[in-house]
Every structure is written in structure tokens, then in C-alpha cells.
Amino acid sequence: MSSTGQRLVHIVDAVEWEEFIATGADTWTPPSLGTVGFVHLSTPEQAAVAANRHYRGARGLQLLVLDASILRSGLVWEEGDPPEPGMVFPHLYAPLPVAAVLYTVAYPPGADGRFAEPEL
């Protein structure tokens, strides 16, 4: 699957991201890189699937909107865990370069705790 011109998203805790940005570091190494070996990413259309599976009801989340062309090295499309029928997710097998972050957007759940597809 080509990532040219494509936008991907990464779900983060807003406070954690702001604290990280204040460090001035060039790459973000989320805990998942150490625990499962990759950074979880989604297409914008997949963000709600991932958020509802892993963050249902969580507050204070943000989406990092990413330029996928900057992530070419280390970007692999694979089944999720557990698999979501008919979907493959982008996984980044490297730290996330801050240069790939186009912008961030708040990602609150609805009143029922479920996340909807984000408006980017």
C-alpha cells in the first residue's frame, strides 16, 4: 500500500505529548515500541476502531496527524491484534519523527464513551 501523500494518525495522551514536545526531542518513542516492537498508527478512518478497542471512555486524548511519506522507512501494514476483519493497520517499526507531525487535534469520546471517526 502506498503512503505517498497519505495522512495517518497516532493516538496520544495530550498531557504526555505536551510534556514530550517541551523536551525538544526529534523523535517520539511511545511505550508500545518497547513492549510490542512498533508504534500503533491508523488511517483517519480506522482511528475510531483503535480508540474504541483500546481507549473507550478515555479523556484527554489527542490525535497526531502524520505525513506518511516521512514514515516510509519502518512503516508496515499488518493485521491488528486482535484482527479486525478486512483491515490492515499501519505499524511503525521505529521511533516516530516529530517532523512527521503535521498538527494535533483533540479526540474526545462522545457522551456514551465511544469515539467517532475524527474530523481532520
PDB file of N, CA and C in Angstrom:
ATOM      1  N   MET A   1       0.852  -1.172   0.000  1.00  0.00           N
ATOM      2  CA  MET A   1       0.000   0.000   0.000  1.00  0.00           C
ATOM      3  C   MET A   1       0.895   1.231   0.000  1.00  0.00           C
ATOM      4  N   SER A   2       0.648   2.158  -0.857  1.00  0.00           N
ATOM      5  CA  SER A   2       1.458   3.369  -0.963  1.00  0.00           C
ATOM      6  C   SER A   2       1.065   4.379   0.110  1.00  0.00           C
ATOM      7  N   SER A   3       2.073   5.060   0.651  1.00  0.00           N
ATOM      8  CA  SER A   3       1.794   6.072   1.659  1.00  0.00           C
ATOM      9  C   SER A   3       2.020   7.484   1.122  1.00  0.00           C
ATOM     10  N   THR A   4       2.248   7.624  -0.157  1.00  0.00           N
ATOM     11  CA  THR A   4       2.521   8.929  -0.742  1.00  0.00           C
ATOM     12  C   THR A   4       1.327   9.857  -0.556  1.00  0.00           C
ATOM     13  N   GLY A   5       1.574  10.997   0.126  1.00  0.00           N
ATOM     14  CA  GLY A   5       0.516  11.975   0.332  1.00  0.00           C
ATOM     15  C   GLY A   5      -0.533  11.566   1.337  1.00  0.00           C
ATOM     16  N   GLN A   6      -0.405  10.436   1.925  1.00  0.00           N
ATOM     17  CA  GLN A   6      -1.408   9.924   2.853  1.00  0.00           C
ATOM     18  C   GLN A   6      -1.164  10.461   4.254  1.00  0.00           C
ATOM     19  N   ARG A   7      -2.249  10.658   4.964  1.00  0.00           N
ATOM     20  CA  ARG A   7      -2.169  11.045   6.364  1.00  0.00           C
ATOM     21  C   ARG A   7      -2.521   9.859   7.231  1.00  0.00           C
ATOM     22  N   LEU A   8      -1.757   9.705   8.285  1.00  0.00           N
ATOM     23  CA  LEU A   8      -2.004   8.683   9.293  1.00  0.00           C
ATOM     24  C   LEU A   8      -2.174   9.381  10.626  1.00  0.00           C
ATOM     25  N   VAL A   9      -2.665   8.665  11.625  1.00  0.00           N
ATOM     26  CA  VAL A   9      -2.824   9.246  12.958  1.00  0.00           C
ATOM     27  C   VAL A   9      -2.243   8.317  14.009  1.00  0.00           C
ATOM     28  N   HIS A  10      -1.836   8.939  15.109  1.00  0.00           N
ATOM     29  CA  HIS A  10      -1.352   8.216  16.284  1.00  0.00           C
ATOM     30  C   HIS A  10      -2.077   8.814  17.489  1.00  0.00           C
ATOM     31  N   ILE A  11      -2.666   7.972  18.325  1.00  0.00           N
ATOM     32  CA  ILE A  11      -3.415   8.418  19.494  1.00  0.00           C
ATOM     33  C   ILE A  11      -2.454   8.571  20.668  1.00  0.00           C
ATOM     34  N   VAL A  12      -2.502   9.748  21.316  1.00  0.00           N
ATOM     35  CA  VAL A  12      -1.639  10.007  22.467  1.00  0.00           C
ATOM     36  C   VAL A  12      -2.429  10.690  23.578  1.00  0.00           C
ATOM     37  N   ASP A  13      -1.898  10.592  24.784  1.00  0.00           N
ATOM     38  CA  ASP A  13      -2.399  11.373  25.904  1.00  0.00           C
ATOM     39  C   ASP A  13      -1.905  12.807  25.692  1.00  0.00           C
ATOM     40  N   ALA A  14      -2.803  13.777  25.707  1.00  0.00           N
ATOM     41  CA  ALA A  14      -2.447  15.161  25.388  1.00  0.00           C
ATOM     42  C   ALA A  14      -1.382  15.718  26.332  1.00  0.00           C
ATOM     43  N   VAL A  15      -1.496  15.447  27.622  1.00  0.00           N
ATOM     44  CA  VAL A  15      -0.518  15.961  28.586  1.00  0.00           C
ATOM     45  C   VAL A  15       0.849  15.329  28.341  1.00  0.00           C
ATOM     46  N   GLU A  16       0.861  14.032  28.114  1.00  0.00           N
ATOM     47  CA  GLU A  16       2.127  13.336  27.846  1.00  0.00           C
ATOM     48  C   GLU A  16       2.800  13.896  26.595  1.00  0.00           C
ATOM     49  N   TRP A  17       2.012  14.171  25.556  1.00  0.00           N
ATOM     50  CA  TRP A  17       2.570  14.716  24.323  1.00  0.00           C
ATOM     51  C   TRP A  17       3.141  16.120  24.557  1.00  0.00           C
ATOM     52  N   GLU A  18       2.401  16.968  25.264  1.00  0.00           N
ATOM     53  CA  GLU A  18       2.885  18.322  25.532  1.00  0.00           C
ATOM     54  C   GLU A  18       4.174  18.300  26.342  1.00  0.00           C
ATOM     55  N   GLU A  19       4.263  17.409  27.320  1.00  0.00           N
ATOM     56  CA  GLU A  19       5.489  17.275  28.106  1.00  0.00           C
ATOM     57  C   GLU A  19       6.643  16.812  27.220  1.00  0.00           C
ATOM     58  N   PHE A  20       6.352  15.884  26.315  1.00  0.00           N
ATOM     59  CA  PHE A  20       7.387  15.415  25.393  1.00  0.00           C
ATOM     60  C   PHE A  20       7.860  16.547  24.486  1.00  0.00           C
ATOM     61  N   ILE A  21       6.938  17.285  23.883  1.00  0.00           N
ATOM     62  CA  ILE A  21       7.294  18.367  22.959  1.00  0.00           C
ATOM     63  C   ILE A  21       8.176  19.397  23.664  1.00  0.00           C
ATOM     64  N   ALA A  22       7.920  19.648  24.935  1.00  0.00           N
ATOM     65  CA  ALA A  22       8.709  20.629  25.691  1.00  0.00           C
ATOM     66  C   ALA A  22      10.178  20.209  25.819  1.00  0.00           C
ATOM     67  N   THR A  23      10.471  18.930  25.623  1.00  0.00           N
ATOM     68  CA  THR A  23      11.860  18.462  25.718  1.00  0.00           C
ATOM     69  C   THR A  23      12.681  18.854  24.497  1.00  0.00           C
ATOM     70  N   GLY A  24      12.008  19.124  23.372  1.00  0.00           N
ATOM     71  CA  GLY A  24      12.709  19.486  22.147  1.00  0.00           C
ATOM     72  C   GLY A  24      13.304  18.302  21.395  1.00  0.00           C
ATOM     73  N   ALA A  25      12.956  17.088  21.806  1.00  0.00           N
ATOM     74  CA  ALA A  25      13.485  15.893  21.137  1.00  0.00           C
ATOM     75  C   ALA A  25      12.954  15.783  19.706  1.00  0.00           C
ATOM     76  N   ASP A  26      13.722  15.105  18.857  1.00  0.00           N
ATOM     77  CA  ASP A  26      13.360  14.942  17.441  1.00  0.00           C
ATOM     78  C   ASP A  26      12.498  13.721  17.164  1.00  0.00           C
ATOM     79  N   THR A  27      12.505  12.743  18.080  1.00  0.00           N
ATOM     80  CA  THR A  27      11.728  11.517  17.864  1.00  0.00           C
ATOM     81  C   THR A  27      10.968  11.141  19.124  1.00  0.00           C
ATOM     82  N   TRP A  28       9.772  10.628  18.926  1.00  0.00           N
ATOM     83  CA  TRP A  28       8.879  10.166  19.993  1.00  0.00           C
ATOM     84  C   TRP A  28       8.981   8.652  20.043  1.00  0.00           C
ATOM     85  N   THR A  29       9.255   8.132  21.227  1.00  0.00           N
ATOM     86  CA  THR A  29       9.337   6.694  21.417  1.00  0.00           C
ATOM     87  C   THR A  29       8.248   6.288  22.404  1.00  0.00           C
ATOM     88  N   PRO A  30       7.039   5.997  21.906  1.00  0.00           N
ATOM     89  CA  PRO A  30       5.967   5.606  22.811  1.00  0.00           C
ATOM     90  C   PRO A  30       6.243   4.243  23.436  1.00  0.00           C
ATOM     91  N   PRO A  31       5.615   3.954  24.567  1.00  0.00           N
ATOM     92  CA  PRO A  31       5.848   2.671  25.244  1.00  0.00           C
ATOM     93  C   PRO A  31       5.658   1.445  24.355  1.00  0.00           C
ATOM     94  N   SER A  32       4.738   1.514  23.395  1.00  0.00           N
ATOM     95  CA  SER A  32       4.474   0.340  22.555  1.00  0.00           C
ATOM     96  C   SER A  32       5.696  -0.089  21.750  1.00  0.00           C
ATOM     97  N   LEU A  33       6.588   0.845  21.444  1.00  0.00           N
ATOM     98  CA  LEU A  33       7.781   0.472  20.683  1.00  0.00           C
ATOM     99  C   LEU A  33       8.631  -0.505  21.487  1.00  0.00           C
ATOM    100  N   GLY A  34       8.668  -0.317  22.792  1.00  0.00           N
ATOM    101  CA  GLY A  34       9.414  -1.234  23.642  1.00  0.00           C
ATOM    102  C   GLY A  34       8.661  -2.511  23.982  1.00  0.00           C
ATOM    103  N   THR A  35       7.337  -2.419  24.125  1.00  0.00           N
ATOM    104  CA  THR A  35       6.570  -3.590  24.545  1.00  0.00           C
ATOM    105  C   THR A  35       6.169  -4.514  23.403  1.00  0.00           C
ATOM    106  N   VAL A  36       5.767  -3.950  22.259  1.00  0.00           N
ATOM    107  CA  VAL A  36       5.353  -4.796  21.129  1.00  0.00           C
ATOM    108  C   VAL A  36       6.246  -4.620  19.907  1.00  0.00           C
ATOM    109  N   GLY A  37       7.176  -3.665  19.967  1.00  0.00           N
ATOM    110  CA  GLY A  37       8.144  -3.507  18.889  1.00  0.00           C
ATOM    111  C   GLY A  37       7.767  -2.545  17.788  1.00  0.00           C
ATOM    112  N   PHE A  38       6.611  -1.874  17.916  1.00  0.00           N
ATOM    113  CA  PHE A  38       6.210  -0.910  16.891  1.00  0.00           C
ATOM    114  C   PHE A  38       5.313   0.158  17.496  1.00  0.00           C
ATOM    115  N   VAL A  39       5.141   1.239  16.742  1.00  0.00           N
ATOM    116  CA  VAL A  39       4.249   2.328  17.110  1.00  0.00           C
ATOM    117  C   VAL A  39       2.913   2.067  16.407  1.00  0.00           C
ATOM    118  N   HIS A  40       1.834   2.045  17.170  1.00  0.00           N
ATOM    119  CA  HIS A  40       0.497   1.853  16.616  1.00  0.00           C
ATOM    120  C   HIS A  40       0.062   3.105  15.863  1.00  0.00           C
ATOM    121  N   LEU A  41      -0.308   2.937  14.613  1.00  0.00           N
ATOM    122  CA  LEU A  41      -0.844   4.020  13.802  1.00  0.00           C
ATOM    123  C   LEU A  41      -2.163   3.567  13.204  1.00  0.00           C
ATOM    124  N   SER A  42      -2.910   4.503  12.665  1.00  0.00           N
ATOM    125  CA  SER A  42      -4.176   4.204  11.993  1.00  0.00           C
ATOM    126  C   SER A  42      -4.347   5.178  10.844  1.00  0.00           C
ATOM    127  N   THR A  43      -5.188   4.817   9.908  1.00  0.00           N
ATOM    128  CA  THR A  43      -5.663   5.805   8.952  1.00  0.00           C
ATOM    129  C   THR A  43      -6.718   6.614   9.717  1.00  0.00           C
ATOM    130  N   PRO A  44      -7.076   7.802   9.253  1.00  0.00           N
ATOM    131  CA  PRO A  44      -8.139   8.544   9.939  1.00  0.00           C
ATOM    132  C   PRO A  44      -9.433   7.729  10.051  1.00  0.00           C
ATOM    133  N   GLU A  45      -9.721   6.930   9.027  1.00  0.00           N
ATOM    134  CA  GLU A  45     -10.939   6.119   9.038  1.00  0.00           C
ATOM    135  C   GLU A  45     -10.875   4.982  10.060  1.00  0.00           C
ATOM    136  N   GLN A  46      -9.684   4.568  10.441  1.00  0.00           N
ATOM    137  CA  GLN A  46      -9.510   3.488  11.412  1.00  0.00           C
ATOM    138  C   GLN A  46      -9.367   3.991  12.847  1.00  0.00           C
ATOM    139  N   ALA A  47      -9.209   5.285  13.036  1.00  0.00           N
ATOM    140  CA  ALA A  47      -8.927   5.834  14.369  1.00  0.00           C
ATOM    141  C   ALA A  47      -9.984   5.433  15.391  1.00  0.00           C
ATOM    142  N   ALA A  48     -11.256   5.491  15.025  1.00  0.00           N
ATOM    143  CA  ALA A  48     -12.317   5.144  15.975  1.00  0.00           C
ATOM    144  C   ALA A  48     -12.268   3.664  16.336  1.00  0.00           C
ATOM    145  N   VAL A  49     -11.919   2.816  15.388  1.00  0.00           N
ATOM    146  CA  VAL A  49     -11.794   1.378  15.673  1.00  0.00           C
ATOM    147  C   VAL A  49     -10.733   1.166  16.751  1.00  0.00           C
ATOM    148  N   ALA A  50      -9.568   1.777  16.542  1.00  0.00           N
ATOM    149  CA  ALA A  50      -8.473   1.628  17.504  1.00  0.00           C
ATOM    150  C   ALA A  50      -8.826   2.266  18.850  1.00  0.00           C
ATOM    151  N   ALA A  51      -9.394   3.461  18.818  1.00  0.00           N
ATOM    152  CA  ALA A  51      -9.723   4.162  20.059  1.00  0.00           C
ATOM    153  C   ALA A  51     -10.783   3.420  20.864  1.00  0.00           C
ATOM    154  N   ASN A  52     -11.789   2.892  20.193  1.00  0.00           N
ATOM    155  CA  ASN A  52     -12.837   2.164  20.912  1.00  0.00           C
ATOM    156  C   ASN A  52     -12.342   0.832  21.456  1.00  0.00           C
ATOM    157  N   ARG A  53     -11.367   0.253  20.812  1.00  0.00           N
ATOM    158  CA  ARG A  53     -10.804  -1.006  21.282  1.00  0.00           C
ATOM    159  C   ARG A  53      -9.877  -0.791  22.490  1.00  0.00           C
ATOM    160  N   HIS A  54      -9.070   0.277  22.444  1.00  0.00           N
ATOM    161  CA  HIS A  54      -8.025   0.451  23.452  1.00  0.00           C
ATOM    162  C   HIS A  54      -8.236   1.604  24.423  1.00  0.00           C
ATOM    163  N   TYR A  55      -9.089   2.566  24.090  1.00  0.00           N
ATOM    164  CA  TYR A  55      -9.219   3.771  24.923  1.00  0.00           C
ATOM    165  C   TYR A  55     -10.659   4.143  25.244  1.00  0.00           C
ATOM    166  N   ARG A  56     -11.588   3.253  25.081  1.00  0.00           N
ATOM    167  CA  ARG A  56     -13.001   3.574  25.254  1.00  0.00           C
ATOM    168  C   ARG A  56     -13.233   4.358  26.547  1.00  0.00           C
ATOM    169  N   GLY A  57     -13.871   5.516  26.405  1.00  0.00           N
ATOM    170  CA  GLY A  57     -14.207   6.362  27.539  1.00  0.00           C
ATOM    171  C   GLY A  57     -13.079   7.248  28.042  1.00  0.00           C
ATOM    172  N   ALA A  58     -11.879   7.082  27.515  1.00  0.00           N
ATOM    173  CA  ALA A  58     -10.732   7.870  27.988  1.00  0.00           C
ATOM    174  C   ALA A  58     -10.888   9.336  27.587  1.00  0.00           C
ATOM    175  N   ARG A  59     -10.467  10.191  28.464  1.00  0.00           N
ATOM    176  CA  ARG A  59     -10.485  11.637  28.213  1.00  0.00           C
ATOM    177  C   ARG A  59      -9.049  12.115  28.044  1.00  0.00           C
ATOM    178  N   GLY A  60      -8.896  13.287  27.461  1.00  0.00           N
ATOM    179  CA  GLY A  60      -7.581  13.900  27.337  1.00  0.00           C
ATOM    180  C   GLY A  60      -6.708  13.319  26.245  1.00  0.00           C
ATOM    181  N   LEU A  61      -7.335  12.734  25.219  1.00  0.00           N
ATOM    182  CA  LEU A  61      -6.562  12.174  24.115  1.00  0.00           C
ATOM    183  C   LEU A  61      -6.433  13.178  22.974  1.00  0.00           C
ATOM    184  N   GLN A  62      -5.381  13.023  22.215  1.00  0.00           N
ATOM    185  CA  GLN A  62      -5.138  13.801  21.009  1.00  0.00           C
ATOM    186  C   GLN A  62      -4.771  12.853  19.890  1.00  0.00           C
ATOM    187  N   LEU A  63      -5.020  13.303  18.694  1.00  0.00           N
ATOM    188  CA  LEU A  63      -4.509  12.606  17.519  1.00  0.00           C
ATOM    189  C   LEU A  63      -3.338  13.401  16.972  1.00  0.00           C
ATOM    190  N   LEU A  64      -2.235  12.722  16.742  1.00  0.00           N
ATOM    191  CA  LEU A  64      -1.140  13.313  15.988  1.00  0.00           C
ATOM    192  C   LEU A  64      -1.453  13.004  14.538  1.00  0.00           C
ATOM    193  N   VAL A  65      -1.626  14.010  13.733  1.00  0.00           N
ATOM    194  CA  VAL A  65      -1.896  13.816  12.308  1.00  0.00           C
ATOM    195  C   VAL A  65      -0.544  13.837  11.607  1.00  0.00           C
ATOM    196  N   LEU A  66      -0.247  12.740  10.920  1.00  0.00           N
ATOM    197  CA  LEU A  66       1.094  12.490  10.398  1.00  0.00           C
ATOM    198  C   LEU A  66       1.145  12.470   8.876  1.00  0.00           C
ATOM    199  N   ASP A  67       2.261  12.935   8.344  1.00  0.00           N
ATOM    200  CA  ASP A  67       2.553  12.820   6.919  1.00  0.00           C
ATOM    201  C   ASP A  67       3.224  11.464   6.723  1.00  0.00           C
ATOM    202  N   ALA A  68       2.501  10.523   6.144  1.00  0.00           N
ATOM    203  CA  ALA A  68       3.005   9.159   5.991  1.00  0.00           C
ATOM    204  C   ALA A  68       4.253   9.081   5.115  1.00  0.00           C
ATOM    205  N   SER A  69       4.441  10.031   4.210  1.00  0.00           N
ATOM    206  CA  SER A  69       5.613   9.961   3.332  1.00  0.00           C
ATOM    207  C   SER A  69       6.916  10.098   4.114  1.00  0.00           C
ATOM    208  N   ILE A  70       6.865  10.736   5.270  1.00  0.00           N
ATOM    209  CA  ILE A  70       8.058  10.873   6.108  1.00  0.00           C
ATOM    210  C   ILE A  70       8.351   9.568   6.864  1.00  0.00           C
ATOM    211  N   LEU A  71       7.368   8.693   6.955  1.00  0.00           N
ATOM    212  CA  LEU A  71       7.486   7.443   7.714  1.00  0.00           C
ATOM    213  C   LEU A  71       7.829   6.236   6.856  1.00  0.00           C
ATOM    214  N   ARG A  72       8.167   6.432   5.615  1.00  0.00           N
ATOM    215  CA  ARG A  72       8.393   5.302   4.697  1.00  0.00           C
ATOM    216  C   ARG A  72       9.286   4.227   5.291  1.00  0.00           C
ATOM    217  N   SER A  73      10.382   4.630   5.882  1.00  0.00           N
ATOM    218  CA  SER A  73      11.297   3.654   6.473  1.00  0.00           C
ATOM    219  C   SER A  73      10.689   3.133   7.765  1.00  0.00           C
ATOM    220  N   GLY A  74      10.417   1.864   7.802  1.00  0.00           N
ATOM    221  CA  GLY A  74       9.872   1.250   9.010  1.00  0.00           C
ATOM    222  C   GLY A  74       8.364   1.120   9.048  1.00  0.00           C
ATOM    223  N   LEU A  75       7.648   1.619   8.042  1.00  0.00           N
ATOM    224  CA  LEU A  75       6.187   1.545   8.019  1.00  0.00           C
ATOM    225  C   LEU A  75       5.739   0.246   7.353  1.00  0.00           C
ATOM    226  N   VAL A  76       4.957  -0.541   8.101  1.00  0.00           N
ATOM    227  CA  VAL A  76       4.472  -1.830   7.606  1.00  0.00           C
ATOM    228  C   VAL A  76       2.969  -1.906   7.860  1.00  0.00           C
ATOM    229  N   TRP A  77       2.233  -2.429   6.891  1.00  0.00           N
ATOM    230  CA  TRP A  77       0.775  -2.606   7.031  1.00  0.00           C
ATOM    231  C   TRP A  77       0.503  -4.050   7.427  1.00  0.00           C
ATOM    232  N   GLU A  78      -0.179  -4.238   8.578  1.00  0.00           N
ATOM    233  CA  GLU A  78      -0.394  -5.578   9.128  1.00  0.00           C
ATOM    234  C   GLU A  78      -1.770  -5.678   9.785  1.00  0.00           C
ATOM    235  N   GLU A  79      -2.164  -6.914  10.057  1.00  0.00           N
ATOM    236  CA  GLU A  79      -3.395  -7.136  10.818  1.00  0.00           C
ATOM    237  C   GLU A  79      -3.234  -6.575  12.215  1.00  0.00           C
ATOM    238  N   GLY A  80      -4.343  -6.142  12.790  1.00  0.00           N
ATOM    239  CA  GLY A  80      -4.334  -5.688  14.175  1.00  0.00           C
ATOM    240  C   GLY A  80      -4.325  -6.877  15.118  1.00  0.00           C
ATOM    241  N   ASP A  81      -4.241  -6.587  16.404  1.00  0.00           N
ATOM    242  CA  ASP A  81      -4.260  -7.650  17.414  1.00  0.00           C
ATOM    243  C   ASP A  81      -5.260  -7.266  18.489  1.00  0.00           C
ATOM    244  N   PRO A  82      -6.427  -7.886  18.499  1.00  0.00           N
ATOM    245  CA  PRO A  82      -6.866  -8.955  17.601  1.00  0.00           C
ATOM    246  C   PRO A  82      -7.218  -8.390  16.223  1.00  0.00           C
ATOM    247  N   PRO A  83      -7.217  -9.252  15.227  1.00  0.00           N
ATOM    248  CA  PRO A  83      -7.510  -8.793  13.862  1.00  0.00           C
ATOM    249  C   PRO A  83      -8.903  -8.168  13.752  1.00  0.00           C
ATOM    250  N   GLU A  84      -9.011  -7.185  12.919  1.00  0.00           N
ATOM    251  CA  GLU A  84     -10.286  -6.555  12.581  1.00  0.00           C
ATOM    252  C   GLU A  84     -10.589  -7.014  11.157  1.00  0.00           C
ATOM    253  N   PRO A  85     -11.679  -7.749  10.942  1.00  0.00           N
ATOM    254  CA  PRO A  85     -11.951  -8.304   9.608  1.00  0.00           C
ATOM    255  C   PRO A  85     -11.839  -7.263   8.495  1.00  0.00           C
ATOM    256  N   GLY A  86     -11.036  -7.597   7.498  1.00  0.00           N
ATOM    257  CA  GLY A  86     -10.888  -6.769   6.317  1.00  0.00           C
ATOM    258  C   GLY A  86     -10.007  -5.546   6.493  1.00  0.00           C
ATOM    259  N   MET A  87      -9.315  -5.420   7.633  1.00  0.00           N
ATOM    260  CA  MET A  87      -8.474  -4.244   7.872  1.00  0.00           C
ATOM    261  C   MET A  87      -7.028  -4.623   8.132  1.00  0.00           C
ATOM    262  N   VAL A  88      -6.141  -3.819   7.599  1.00  0.00           N
ATOM    263  CA  VAL A  88      -4.734  -3.862   7.987  1.00  0.00           C
ATOM    264  C   VAL A  88      -4.404  -2.475   8.517  1.00  0.00           C
ATOM    265  N   PHE A  89      -3.551  -2.436   9.522  1.00  0.00           N
ATOM    266  CA  PHE A  89      -3.191  -1.191  10.184  1.00  0.00           C
ATOM    267  C   PHE A  89      -1.731  -0.851   9.912  1.00  0.00           C
ATOM    268  N   PRO A  90      -1.414   0.434   9.850  1.00  0.00           N
ATOM    269  CA  PRO A  90      -0.020   0.828   9.707  1.00  0.00           C
ATOM    270  C   PRO A  90       0.696   0.724  11.053  1.00  0.00           C
ATOM    271  N   HIS A  91       1.835   0.073  11.049  1.00  0.00           N
ATOM    272  CA  HIS A  91       2.686  -0.048  12.229  1.00  0.00           C
ATOM    273  C   HIS A  91       4.053   0.517  11.868  1.00  0.00           C
ATOM    274  N   LEU A  92       4.597   1.340  12.746  1.00  0.00           N
ATOM    275  CA  LEU A  92       5.898   1.945  12.516  1.00  0.00           C
ATOM    276  C   LEU A  92       6.934   1.245  13.385  1.00  0.00           C
ATOM    277  N   TYR A  93       7.876   0.568  12.751  1.00  0.00           N
ATOM    278  CA  TYR A  93       8.922  -0.173  13.451  1.00  0.00           C
ATOM    279  C   TYR A  93      10.149   0.713  13.667  1.00  0.00           C
ATOM    280  N   ALA A  94       9.912   1.885  14.239  1.00  0.00           N
ATOM    281  CA  ALA A  94      10.964   2.858  14.521  1.00  0.00           C
ATOM    282  C   ALA A  94      10.341   3.952  15.380  1.00  0.00           C
ATOM    283  N   PRO A  95      11.167   4.754  16.050  1.00  0.00           N
ATOM    284  CA  PRO A  95      10.599   5.912  16.750  1.00  0.00           C
ATOM    285  C   PRO A  95       9.904   6.836  15.751  1.00  0.00           C
ATOM    286  N   LEU A  96       8.932   7.568  16.222  1.00  0.00           N
ATOM    287  CA  LEU A  96       8.152   8.473  15.379  1.00  0.00           C
ATOM    288  C   LEU A  96       8.857   9.825  15.269  1.00  0.00           C
ATOM    289  N   PRO A  97       9.273  10.229  14.060  1.00  0.00           N
ATOM    290  CA  PRO A  97       9.929  11.529  13.919  1.00  0.00           C
ATOM    291  C   PRO A  97       8.930  12.673  14.118  1.00  0.00           C
ATOM    292  N   VAL A  98       9.299  13.622  14.954  1.00  0.00           N
ATOM    293  CA  VAL A  98       8.432  14.775  15.204  1.00  0.00           C
ATOM    294  C   VAL A  98       8.162  15.521  13.903  1.00  0.00           C
ATOM    295  N   ALA A  99       9.096  15.499  12.969  1.00  0.00           N
ATOM    296  CA  ALA A  99       8.913  16.171  11.677  1.00  0.00           C
ATOM    297  C   ALA A  99       7.723  15.627  10.895  1.00  0.00           C
ATOM    298  N   ALA A 100       7.275  14.419  11.199  1.00  0.00           N
ATOM    299  CA  ALA A 100       6.133  13.834  10.504  1.00  0.00           C
ATOM    300  C   ALA A 100       4.795  14.365  11.024  1.00  0.00           C
ATOM    301  N   VAL A 101       4.800  15.015  12.182  1.00  0.00           N
ATOM    302  CA  VAL A 101       3.560  15.510  12.787  1.00  0.00           C
ATOM    303  C   VAL A 101       3.150  16.814  12.105  1.00  0.00           C
ATOM    304  N   LEU A 102       2.047  16.754  11.374  1.00  0.00           N
ATOM    305  CA  LEU A 102       1.531  17.937  10.683  1.00  0.00           C
ATOM    306  C   LEU A 102       0.814  18.858  11.663  1.00  0.00           C
ATOM    307  N   TYR A 103       0.000  18.262  12.525  1.00  0.00           N
ATOM    308  CA  TYR A 103      -0.723  19.001  13.559  1.00  0.00           C
ATOM    309  C   TYR A 103      -1.353  17.989  14.510  1.00  0.00           C
ATOM    310  N   THR A 104      -1.898  18.509  15.613  1.00  0.00           N
ATOM    311  CA  THR A 104      -2.599  17.662  16.570  1.00  0.00           C
ATOM    312  C   THR A 104      -4.040  18.139  16.660  1.00  0.00           C
ATOM    313  N   VAL A 105      -4.904  17.237  17.058  1.00  0.00           N
ATOM    314  CA  VAL A 105      -6.314  17.579  17.230  1.00  0.00           C
ATOM    315  C   VAL A 105      -6.842  16.821  18.443  1.00  0.00           C
ATOM    316  N   ALA A 106      -7.637  17.515  19.275  1.00  0.00           N
ATOM    317  CA  ALA A 106      -8.257  16.859  20.426  1.00  0.00           C
ATOM    318  C   ALA A 106      -9.157  15.731  19.925  1.00  0.00           C
ATOM    319  N   TYR A 107      -9.205  14.650  20.690  1.00  0.00           N
ATOM    320  CA  TYR A 107     -10.015  13.494  20.290  1.00  0.00           C
ATOM    321  C   TYR A 107     -10.837  12.993  21.478  1.00  0.00           C
ATOM    322  N   PRO A 108     -11.901  13.708  21.815  1.00  0.00           N
ATOM    323  CA  PRO A 108     -12.734  13.290  22.938  1.00  0.00           C
ATOM    324  C   PRO A 108     -13.756  12.229  22.529  1.00  0.00           C
ATOM    325  N   PRO A 109     -14.128  11.369  23.470  1.00  0.00           N
ATOM    326  CA  PRO A 109     -15.208  10.416  23.176  1.00  0.00           C
ATOM    327  C   PRO A 109     -16.555  11.127  23.259  1.00  0.00           C
ATOM    328  N   GLY A 110     -17.564  10.487  22.723  1.00  0.00           N
ATOM    329  CA  GLY A 110     -18.922  11.010  22.849  1.00  0.00           C
ATOM    330  C   GLY A 110     -19.452  10.777  24.260  1.00  0.00           C
ATOM    331  N   ALA A 111     -20.656  11.224  24.524  1.00  0.00           N
ATOM    332  CA  ALA A 111     -21.274  11.085  25.841  1.00  0.00           C
ATOM    333  C   ALA A 111     -21.370   9.626  26.274  1.00  0.00           C
ATOM    334  N   ASP A 112     -21.438   8.713  25.313  1.00  0.00           N
ATOM    335  CA  ASP A 112     -21.527   7.286  25.624  1.00  0.00           C
ATOM    336  C   ASP A 112     -20.159   6.622  25.802  1.00  0.00           C
ATOM    337  N   GLY A 113     -19.077   7.421  25.701  1.00  0.00           N
ATOM    338  CA  GLY A 113     -17.733   6.883  25.869  1.00  0.00           C
ATOM    339  C   GLY A 113     -17.106   6.348  24.595  1.00  0.00           C
ATOM    340  N   ARG A 114     -17.886   6.321  23.510  1.00  0.00           N
ATOM    341  CA  ARG A 114     -17.373   5.795  22.240  1.00  0.00           C
ATOM    342  C   ARG A 114     -16.783   6.926  21.401  1.00  0.00           C
ATOM    343  N   PHE A 115     -15.775   6.570  20.625  1.00  0.00           N
ATOM    344  CA  PHE A 115     -15.131   7.512  19.719  1.00  0.00           C
ATOM    345  C   PHE A 115     -15.738   7.395  18.334  1.00  0.00           C
ATOM    346  N   ALA A 116     -15.853   8.530  17.667  1.00  0.00           N
ATOM    347  CA  ALA A 116     -16.333   8.581  16.293  1.00  0.00           C
ATOM    348  C   ALA A 116     -15.158   8.843  15.369  1.00  0.00           C
ATOM    349  N   GLU A 117     -15.367   8.662  14.087  1.00  0.00           N
ATOM    350  CA  GLU A 117     -14.321   8.983  13.117  1.00  0.00           C
ATOM    351  C   GLU A 117     -13.985  10.458  13.257  1.00  0.00           C
ATOM    352  N   PRO A 118     -12.704  10.785  13.367  1.00  0.00           N
ATOM    353  CA  PRO A 118     -12.330  12.180  13.596  1.00  0.00           C
ATOM    354  C   PRO A 118     -12.537  13.049  12.362  1.00  0.00           C
ATOM    355  N   GLU A 119     -12.771  14.325  12.624  1.00  0.00           N
ATOM    356  CA  GLU A 119     -12.830  15.310  11.550  1.00  0.00           C
ATOM    357  C   GLU A 119     -11.481  15.989  11.497  1.00  0.00           C
ATOM    358  N   LEU A 120     -10.753  15.712  10.441  1.00  0.00           N
ATOM    359  CA  LEU A 120      -9.415  16.272  10.299  1.00  0.00           C
ATOM    360  C   LEU A 120      -9.406  17.310   9.204  1.00  0.00           C
TER     361      LEU A 120
END
